[in-house]
Amino acid sequence: MGKKAAKSSPEAIDQALQKLVMVCPNKRTYDEITSLMFQLYCGNDFGLGNFSLSFLDKVEGCWRTGRKKAAQAKGLKLVVKNA
């Protein structure tokens, strides 16, 4: 995984899946995430309405809350400044 692939290149999916393997704690979690990715690829909007914006908001919100919980578990306080 030395060189970064362009987002639309065939290598980008390989690199993303390799990174996913590294962060998933087990095969079950990996399968759940890749199954969801496939459903998204096939057009399932999961009832989000304006899918692309709602999905991006959901992704960003989960990142923020997840990082905050991870920091709290380590005894740290995460401060996020909105620019």
PDB file of N, CA and C in Angstrom:
ATOM      1  N   MET A   1       0.816  -1.181   0.000  1.00  0.00           N
ATOM      2  CA  MET A   1       0.000   0.000   0.000  1.00  0.00           C
ATOM      3  C   MET A   1       0.864   1.250   0.000  1.00  0.00           C
ATOM      4  N   GLY A   2       1.818   1.302  -0.842  1.00  0.00           N
ATOM      5  CA  GLY A   2       2.711   2.434  -0.850  1.00  0.00           C
ATOM      6  C   GLY A   2       2.133   3.675  -1.496  1.00  0.00           C
ATOM      7  N   LYS A   3       1.656   3.563  -2.723  1.00  0.00           N
ATOM      8  CA  LYS A   3       1.213   4.713  -3.484  1.00  0.00           C
ATOM      9  C   LYS A   3      -0.304   4.866  -3.388  1.00  0.00           C
ATOM     10  N   LYS A   4      -0.766   6.095  -3.198  1.00  0.00           N
ATOM     11  CA  LYS A   4      -2.196   6.374  -3.096  1.00  0.00           C
ATOM     12  C   LYS A   4      -2.828   6.334  -4.484  1.00  0.00           C
ATOM     13  N   ALA A   5      -3.937   5.604  -4.604  1.00  0.00           N
ATOM     14  CA  ALA A   5      -4.636   5.498  -5.879  1.00  0.00           C
ATOM     15  C   ALA A   5      -5.646   6.626  -6.025  1.00  0.00           C
ATOM     16  N   ALA A   6      -5.915   7.002  -7.263  1.00  0.00           N
ATOM     17  CA  ALA A   6      -6.950   8.000  -7.517  1.00  0.00           C
ATOM     18  C   ALA A   6      -8.298   7.431  -7.092  1.00  0.00           C
ATOM     19  N   LYS A   7      -9.201   8.298  -6.627  1.00  0.00           N
ATOM     20  CA  LYS A   7     -10.479   7.845  -6.079  1.00  0.00           C
ATOM     21  C   LYS A   7     -11.294   7.017  -7.062  1.00  0.00           C
ATOM     22  N   SER A   8     -11.189   7.292  -8.349  1.00  0.00           N
ATOM     23  CA  SER A   8     -12.002   6.575  -9.325  1.00  0.00           C
ATOM     24  C   SER A   8     -11.254   5.424 -10.011  1.00  0.00           C
ATOM     25  N   SER A   9     -10.063   5.132  -9.567  1.00  0.00           N
ATOM     26  CA  SER A   9      -9.298   4.067 -10.213  1.00  0.00           C
ATOM     27  C   SER A   9      -9.673   2.704  -9.628  1.00  0.00           C
ATOM     28  N   PRO A  10      -9.435   1.639 -10.393  1.00  0.00           N
ATOM     29  CA  PRO A  10      -9.720   0.292  -9.881  1.00  0.00           C
ATOM     30  C   PRO A  10      -8.900  -0.048  -8.628  1.00  0.00           C
ATOM     31  N   GLU A  11      -7.737   0.547  -8.491  1.00  0.00           N
ATOM     32  CA  GLU A  11      -6.897   0.270  -7.330  1.00  0.00           C
ATOM     33  C   GLU A  11      -7.481   0.882  -6.049  1.00  0.00           C
ATOM     34  N   ALA A  12      -8.308   1.903  -6.193  1.00  0.00           N
ATOM     35  CA  ALA A  12      -8.880   2.574  -5.020  1.00  0.00           C
ATOM     36  C   ALA A  12      -9.727   1.610  -4.194  1.00  0.00           C
ATOM     37  N   ILE A  13     -10.522   0.772  -4.848  1.00  0.00           N
ATOM     38  CA  ILE A  13     -11.361  -0.187  -4.109  1.00  0.00           C
ATOM     39  C   ILE A  13     -10.490  -1.218  -3.412  1.00  0.00           C
ATOM     40  N   ASP A  14      -9.423  -1.659  -4.066  1.00  0.00           N
ATOM     41  CA  ASP A  14      -8.522  -2.626  -3.430  1.00  0.00           C
ATOM     42  C   ASP A  14      -7.879  -2.033  -2.184  1.00  0.00           C
ATOM     43  N   GLN A  15      -7.418  -0.797  -2.281  1.00  0.00           N
ATOM     44  CA  GLN A  15      -6.787  -0.149  -1.133  1.00  0.00           C
ATOM     45  C   GLN A  15      -7.787   0.069   0.002  1.00  0.00           C
ATOM     46  N   ALA A  16      -9.011   0.476  -0.346  1.00  0.00           N
ATOM     47  CA  ALA A  16     -10.030   0.690   0.684  1.00  0.00           C
ATOM     48  C   ALA A  16     -10.367  -0.618   1.393  1.00  0.00           C
ATOM     49  N   LEU A  17     -10.492  -1.699   0.652  1.00  0.00           N
ATOM     50  CA  LEU A  17     -10.802  -2.996   1.265  1.00  0.00           C
ATOM     51  C   LEU A  17      -9.643  -3.497   2.127  1.00  0.00           C
ATOM     52  N   GLN A  18      -8.418  -3.246   1.701  1.00  0.00           N
ATOM     53  CA  GLN A  18      -7.262  -3.639   2.503  1.00  0.00           C
ATOM     54  C   GLN A  18      -7.226  -2.858   3.809  1.00  0.00           C
ATOM     55  N   LYS A  19      -7.557  -1.580   3.754  1.00  0.00           N
ATOM     56  CA  LYS A  19      -7.611  -0.767   4.970  1.00  0.00           C
ATOM     57  C   LYS A  19      -8.740  -1.232   5.875  1.00  0.00           C
ATOM     58  N   LEU A  20      -9.864  -1.606   5.270  1.00  0.00           N
ATOM     59  CA  LEU A  20     -11.002  -2.098   6.039  1.00  0.00           C
ATOM     60  C   LEU A  20     -10.647  -3.382   6.787  1.00  0.00           C
ATOM     61  N   VAL A  21      -9.904  -4.256   6.137  1.00  0.00           N
ATOM     62  CA  VAL A  21      -9.449  -5.492   6.791  1.00  0.00           C
ATOM     63  C   VAL A  21      -8.618  -5.162   8.034  1.00  0.00           C
ATOM     64  N   MET A  22      -7.792  -4.142   7.930  1.00  0.00           N
ATOM     65  CA  MET A  22      -6.905  -3.780   9.031  1.00  0.00           C
ATOM     66  C   MET A  22      -7.662  -3.214  10.232  1.00  0.00           C
ATOM     67  N   VAL A  23      -8.786  -2.556  10.013  1.00  0.00           N
ATOM     68  CA  VAL A  23      -9.504  -1.933  11.123  1.00  0.00           C
ATOM     69  C   VAL A  23     -10.662  -2.761  11.664  1.00  0.00           C
ATOM     70  N   CYS A  24     -11.100  -3.762  10.927  1.00  0.00           N
ATOM     71  CA  CYS A  24     -12.202  -4.608  11.402  1.00  0.00           C
ATOM     72  C   CYS A  24     -11.686  -5.602  12.431  1.00  0.00           C
ATOM     73  N   PRO A  25     -12.414  -5.721  13.546  1.00  0.00           N
ATOM     74  CA  PRO A  25     -11.944  -6.625  14.591  1.00  0.00           C
ATOM     75  C   PRO A  25     -12.124  -8.104  14.256  1.00  0.00           C
ATOM     76  N   ASN A  26     -13.034  -8.418  13.315  1.00  0.00           N
ATOM     77  CA  ASN A  26     -13.278  -9.820  12.969  1.00  0.00           C
ATOM     78  C   ASN A  26     -13.949  -9.923  11.599  1.00  0.00           C
ATOM     79  N   LYS A  27     -14.073 -11.141  11.098  1.00  0.00           N
ATOM     80  CA  LYS A  27     -14.646 -11.379   9.765  1.00  0.00           C
ATOM     81  C   LYS A  27     -16.120 -10.995   9.714  1.00  0.00           C
ATOM     82  N   ARG A  28     -16.837 -11.195  10.807  1.00  0.00           N
ATOM     83  CA  ARG A  28     -18.263 -10.859  10.830  1.00  0.00           C
ATOM     84  C   ARG A  28     -18.468  -9.361  10.585  1.00  0.00           C
ATOM     85  N   THR A  29     -17.700  -8.528  11.250  1.00  0.00           N
ATOM     86  CA  THR A  29     -17.797  -7.084  11.064  1.00  0.00           C
ATOM     87  C   THR A  29     -17.413  -6.701   9.637  1.00  0.00           C
ATOM     88  N   TYR A  30     -16.362  -7.294   9.119  1.00  0.00           N
ATOM     89  CA  TYR A  30     -15.932  -7.040   7.745  1.00  0.00           C
ATOM     90  C   TYR A  30     -17.053  -7.394   6.772  1.00  0.00           C
ATOM     91  N   ASP A  31     -17.687  -8.550   6.968  1.00  0.00           N
ATOM     92  CA  ASP A  31     -18.780  -8.969   6.089  1.00  0.00           C
ATOM     93  C   ASP A  31     -19.968  -8.016   6.183  1.00  0.00           C
ATOM     94  N   GLU A  32     -20.291  -7.543   7.373  1.00  0.00           N
ATOM     95  CA  GLU A  32     -21.407  -6.605   7.536  1.00  0.00           C
ATOM     96  C   GLU A  32     -21.137  -5.302   6.784  1.00  0.00           C
ATOM     97  N   ILE A  33     -19.927  -4.801   6.901  1.00  0.00           N
ATOM     98  CA  ILE A  33     -19.588  -3.533   6.253  1.00  0.00           C
ATOM     99  C   ILE A  33     -19.540  -3.688   4.738  1.00  0.00           C
ATOM    100  N   THR A  34     -18.937  -4.755   4.251  1.00  0.00           N
ATOM    101  CA  THR A  34     -18.858  -4.938   2.801  1.00  0.00           C
ATOM    102  C   THR A  34     -20.242  -5.224   2.210  1.00  0.00           C
ATOM    103  N   SER A  35     -21.107  -5.890   2.962  1.00  0.00           N
ATOM    104  CA  SER A  35     -22.479  -6.118   2.498  1.00  0.00           C
ATOM    105  C   SER A  35     -23.220  -4.790   2.365  1.00  0.00           C
ATOM    106  N   LEU A  36     -23.050  -3.917   3.337  1.00  0.00           N
ATOM    107  CA  LEU A  36     -23.667  -2.592   3.283  1.00  0.00           C
ATOM    108  C   LEU A  36     -23.115  -1.787   2.112  1.00  0.00           C
ATOM    109  N   MET A  37     -21.813  -1.868   1.895  1.00  0.00           N
ATOM    110  CA  MET A  37     -21.198  -1.158   0.771  1.00  0.00           C
ATOM    111  C   MET A  37     -21.804  -1.642  -0.549  1.00  0.00           C
ATOM    112  N   PHE A  38     -22.030  -2.949  -0.659  1.00  0.00           N
ATOM    113  CA  PHE A  38     -22.603  -3.503  -1.885  1.00  0.00           C
ATOM    114  C   PHE A  38     -24.041  -3.024  -2.072  1.00  0.00           C
ATOM    115  N   GLN A  39     -24.806  -2.980  -0.984  1.00  0.00           N
ATOM    116  CA  GLN A  39     -26.178  -2.479  -1.072  1.00  0.00           C
ATOM    117  C   GLN A  39     -26.203  -1.020  -1.521  1.00  0.00           C
ATOM    118  N   LEU A  40     -25.298  -0.216  -0.988  1.00  0.00           N
ATOM    119  CA  LEU A  40     -25.196   1.180  -1.419  1.00  0.00           C
ATOM    120  C   LEU A  40     -24.865   1.260  -2.906  1.00  0.00           C
ATOM    121  N   TYR A  41     -23.937   0.425  -3.344  1.00  0.00           N
ATOM    122  CA  TYR A  41     -23.542   0.390  -4.745  1.00  0.00           C
ATOM    123  C   TYR A  41     -24.726   0.025  -5.642  1.00  0.00           C
ATOM    124  N   CYS A  42     -25.578  -0.865  -5.155  1.00  0.00           N
ATOM    125  CA  CYS A  42     -26.737  -1.314  -5.935  1.00  0.00           C
ATOM    126  C   CYS A  42     -27.902  -0.323  -5.897  1.00  0.00           C
ATOM    127  N   GLY A  43     -27.774   0.753  -5.128  1.00  0.00           N
ATOM    128  CA  GLY A  43     -28.790   1.788  -5.152  1.00  0.00           C
ATOM    129  C   GLY A  43     -29.738   1.818  -3.968  1.00  0.00           C
ATOM    130  N   ASN A  44     -29.529   1.014  -2.961  1.00  0.00           N
ATOM    131  CA  ASN A  44     -30.383   1.051  -1.779  1.00  0.00           C
ATOM    132  C   ASN A  44     -30.115   2.361  -1.037  1.00  0.00           C
ATOM    133  N   ASP A  45     -31.132   3.209  -0.892  1.00  0.00           N
ATOM    134  CA  ASP A  45     -30.928   4.506  -0.228  1.00  0.00           C
ATOM    135  C   ASP A  45     -31.285   4.460   1.249  1.00  0.00           C
ATOM    136  N   PHE A  46     -31.714   3.306   1.738  1.00  0.00           N
ATOM    137  CA  PHE A  46     -32.018   3.105   3.158  1.00  0.00           C
ATOM    138  C   PHE A  46     -33.004   4.142   3.692  1.00  0.00           C
ATOM    139  N   GLY A  47     -33.895   4.626   2.837  1.00  0.00           N
ATOM    140  CA  GLY A  47     -34.933   5.559   3.248  1.00  0.00           C
ATOM    141  C   GLY A  47     -34.434   6.931   3.671  1.00  0.00           C
ATOM    142  N   LEU A  48     -33.280   7.344   3.175  1.00  0.00           N
ATOM    143  CA  LEU A  48     -32.708   8.625   3.585  1.00  0.00           C
ATOM    144  C   LEU A  48     -33.230   9.818   2.775  1.00  0.00           C
ATOM    145  N   GLY A  49     -34.094   9.581   1.815  1.00  0.00           N
ATOM    146  CA  GLY A  49     -34.618  10.707   1.034  1.00  0.00           C
ATOM    147  C   GLY A  49     -33.564  11.282   0.116  1.00  0.00           C
ATOM    148  N   ASN A  50     -33.087  12.492   0.412  1.00  0.00           N
ATOM    149  CA  ASN A  50     -32.001  13.099  -0.363  1.00  0.00           C
ATOM    150  C   ASN A  50     -30.729  12.359   0.014  1.00  0.00           C
ATOM    151  N   PHE A  51     -30.536  11.224  -0.614  1.00  0.00           N
ATOM    152  CA  PHE A  51     -29.569  10.236  -0.153  1.00  0.00           C
ATOM    153  C   PHE A  51     -28.147  10.758  -0.025  1.00  0.00           C
ATOM    154  N   SER A  52     -27.615  11.395  -1.052  1.00  0.00           N
ATOM    155  CA  SER A  52     -26.198  11.737  -1.022  1.00  0.00           C
ATOM    156  C   SER A  52     -25.879  12.701   0.114  1.00  0.00           C
ATOM    157  N   LEU A  53     -26.703  13.720   0.326  1.00  0.00           N
ATOM    158  CA  LEU A  53     -26.429  14.665   1.409  1.00  0.00           C
ATOM    159  C   LEU A  53     -26.705  14.045   2.773  1.00  0.00           C
ATOM    160  N   SER A  54     -27.816  13.308   2.889  1.00  0.00           N
ATOM    161  CA  SER A  54     -28.153  12.668   4.158  1.00  0.00           C
ATOM    162  C   SER A  54     -27.095  11.652   4.551  1.00  0.00           C
ATOM    163  N   PHE A  55     -26.614  10.908   3.578  1.00  0.00           N
ATOM    164  CA  PHE A  55     -25.601   9.892   3.849  1.00  0.00           C
ATOM    165  C   PHE A  55     -24.299  10.534   4.308  1.00  0.00           C
ATOM    166  N   LEU A  56     -23.881  11.595   3.625  1.00  0.00           N
ATOM    167  CA  LEU A  56     -22.642  12.273   4.011  1.00  0.00           C
ATOM    168  C   LEU A  56     -22.759  12.875   5.409  1.00  0.00           C
ATOM    169  N   ASP A  57     -23.914  13.442   5.736  1.00  0.00           N
ATOM    170  CA  ASP A  57     -24.139  13.975   7.086  1.00  0.00           C
ATOM    171  C   ASP A  57     -24.070  12.859   8.121  1.00  0.00           C
ATOM    172  N   LYS A  58     -24.657  11.723   7.798  1.00  0.00           N
ATOM    173  CA  LYS A  58     -24.655  10.585   8.712  1.00  0.00           C
ATOM    174  C   LYS A  58     -23.226  10.061   8.925  1.00  0.00           C
ATOM    175  N   VAL A  59     -22.459   9.980   7.853  1.00  0.00           N
ATOM    176  CA  VAL A  59     -21.067   9.528   7.946  1.00  0.00           C
ATOM    177  C   VAL A  59     -20.264  10.471   8.839  1.00  0.00           C
ATOM    178  N   GLU A  60     -20.404  11.774   8.607  1.00  0.00           N
ATOM    179  CA  GLU A  60     -19.659  12.766   9.388  1.00  0.00           C
ATOM    180  C   GLU A  60     -20.079  12.740  10.858  1.00  0.00           C
ATOM    181  N   GLY A  61     -21.371  12.628  11.100  1.00  0.00           N
ATOM    182  CA  GLY A  61     -21.864  12.576  12.481  1.00  0.00           C
ATOM    183  C   GLY A  61     -21.352  11.359  13.234  1.00  0.00           C
ATOM    184  N   CYS A  62     -21.343  10.217  12.571  1.00  0.00           N
ATOM    185  CA  CYS A  62     -20.832   8.991  13.210  1.00  0.00           C
ATOM    186  C   CYS A  62     -19.343   9.110  13.502  1.00  0.00           C
ATOM    187  N   TRP A  63     -18.593   9.724  12.597  1.00  0.00           N
ATOM    188  CA  TRP A  63     -17.159   9.912  12.822  1.00  0.00           C
ATOM    189  C   TRP A  63     -16.924  10.756  14.065  1.00  0.00           C
ATOM    190  N   ARG A  64     -17.661  11.862  14.163  1.00  0.00           N
ATOM    191  CA  ARG A  64     -17.483  12.759  15.311  1.00  0.00           C
ATOM    192  C   ARG A  64     -17.825  12.078  16.629  1.00  0.00           C
ATOM    193  N   THR A  65     -18.982  11.420  16.685  1.00  0.00           N
ATOM    194  CA  THR A  65     -19.370  10.773  17.944  1.00  0.00           C
ATOM    195  C   THR A  65     -18.453   9.604  18.264  1.00  0.00           C
ATOM    196  N   GLY A  66     -18.050   8.865  17.242  1.00  0.00           N
ATOM    197  CA  GLY A  66     -17.156   7.724  17.466  1.00  0.00           C
ATOM    198  C   GLY A  66     -15.797   8.142  17.980  1.00  0.00           C
ATOM    199  N   ARG A  67     -15.238   9.202  17.415  1.00  0.00           N
ATOM    200  CA  ARG A  67     -13.930   9.685  17.863  1.00  0.00           C
ATOM    201  C   ARG A  67     -14.026  10.248  19.274  1.00  0.00           C
ATOM    202  N   LYS A  68     -15.152  10.906  19.566  1.00  0.00           N
ATOM    203  CA  LYS A  68     -15.358  11.465  20.897  1.00  0.00           C
ATOM    204  C   LYS A  68     -15.401  10.337  21.938  1.00  0.00           C
ATOM    205  N   LYS A  69     -16.123   9.265  21.618  1.00  0.00           N
ATOM    206  CA  LYS A  69     -16.201   8.113  22.530  1.00  0.00           C
ATOM    207  C   LYS A  69     -14.839   7.445  22.691  1.00  0.00           C
ATOM    208  N   ALA A  70     -14.098   7.349  21.601  1.00  0.00           N
ATOM    209  CA  ALA A  70     -12.760   6.743  21.661  1.00  0.00           C
ATOM    210  C   ALA A  70     -11.840   7.577  22.546  1.00  0.00           C
ATOM    211  N   ALA A  71     -11.929   8.891  22.429  1.00  0.00           N
ATOM    212  CA  ALA A  71     -11.102   9.776  23.252  1.00  0.00           C
ATOM    213  C   ALA A  71     -11.499   9.657  24.726  1.00  0.00           C
ATOM    214  N   GLN A  72     -12.795   9.617  25.003  1.00  0.00           N
ATOM    215  CA  GLN A  72     -13.269   9.493  26.377  1.00  0.00           C
ATOM    216  C   GLN A  72     -12.808   8.179  26.995  1.00  0.00           C
ATOM    217  N   ALA A  73     -12.785   7.125  26.205  1.00  0.00           N
ATOM    218  CA  ALA A  73     -12.338   5.823  26.710  1.00  0.00           C
ATOM    219  C   ALA A  73     -10.869   5.867  27.124  1.00  0.00           C
ATOM    220  N   LYS A  74     -10.112   6.779  26.521  1.00  0.00           N
ATOM    221  CA  LYS A  74      -8.695   6.935  26.862  1.00  0.00           C
ATOM    222  C   LYS A  74      -8.475   8.038  27.887  1.00  0.00           C
ATOM    223  N   GLY A  75      -9.583   8.589  28.406  1.00  0.00           N
ATOM    224  CA  GLY A  75      -9.473   9.630  29.417  1.00  0.00           C
ATOM    225  C   GLY A  75      -9.160  11.004  28.848  1.00  0.00           C
ATOM    226  N   LEU A  76      -9.414  11.205  27.573  1.00  0.00           N
ATOM    227  CA  LEU A  76      -9.144  12.490  26.929  1.00  0.00           C
ATOM    228  C   LEU A  76     -10.443  13.209  26.629  1.00  0.00           C
ATOM    229  N   LYS A  77     -10.357  14.508  26.441  1.00  0.00           N
ATOM    230  CA  LYS A  77     -11.523  15.285  26.044  1.00  0.00           C
ATOM    231  C   LYS A  77     -11.245  15.839  24.655  1.00  0.00           C
ATOM    232  N   LEU A  78     -12.107  15.497  23.722  1.00  0.00           N
ATOM    233  CA  LEU A  78     -11.950  15.917  22.333  1.00  0.00           C
ATOM    234  C   LEU A  78     -12.737  17.206  22.113  1.00  0.00           C
ATOM    235  N   VAL A  79     -12.051  18.257  21.696  1.00  0.00           N
ATOM    236  CA  VAL A  79     -12.684  19.542  21.435  1.00  0.00           C
ATOM    237  C   VAL A  79     -12.631  19.788  19.939  1.00  0.00           C
ATOM    238  N   VAL A  80     -13.810  19.994  19.350  1.00  0.00           N
ATOM    239  CA  VAL A  80     -13.885  20.226  17.909  1.00  0.00           C
ATOM    240  C   VAL A  80     -14.359  21.643  17.676  1.00  0.00           C
ATOM    241  N   LYS A  81     -13.555  22.399  16.936  1.00  0.00           N
ATOM    242  CA  LYS A  81     -13.933  23.772  16.586  1.00  0.00           C
ATOM    243  C   LYS A  81     -14.487  23.770  15.180  1.00  0.00           C
ATOM    244  N   ASN A  82     -15.656  24.333  15.017  1.00  0.00           N
ATOM    245  CA  ASN A  82     -16.244  24.447  13.672  1.00  0.00           C
ATOM    246  C   ASN A  82     -15.633  25.645  12.974  1.00  0.00           C
ATOM    247  N   ALA A  83     -15.116  25.416  11.791  1.00  0.00           N
ATOM    248  CA  ALA A  83     -14.468  26.499  11.025  1.00  0.00           C
ATOM    249  C   ALA A  83     -15.462  27.230  10.185  1.00  0.00           C
TER     250      ALA A  83
END
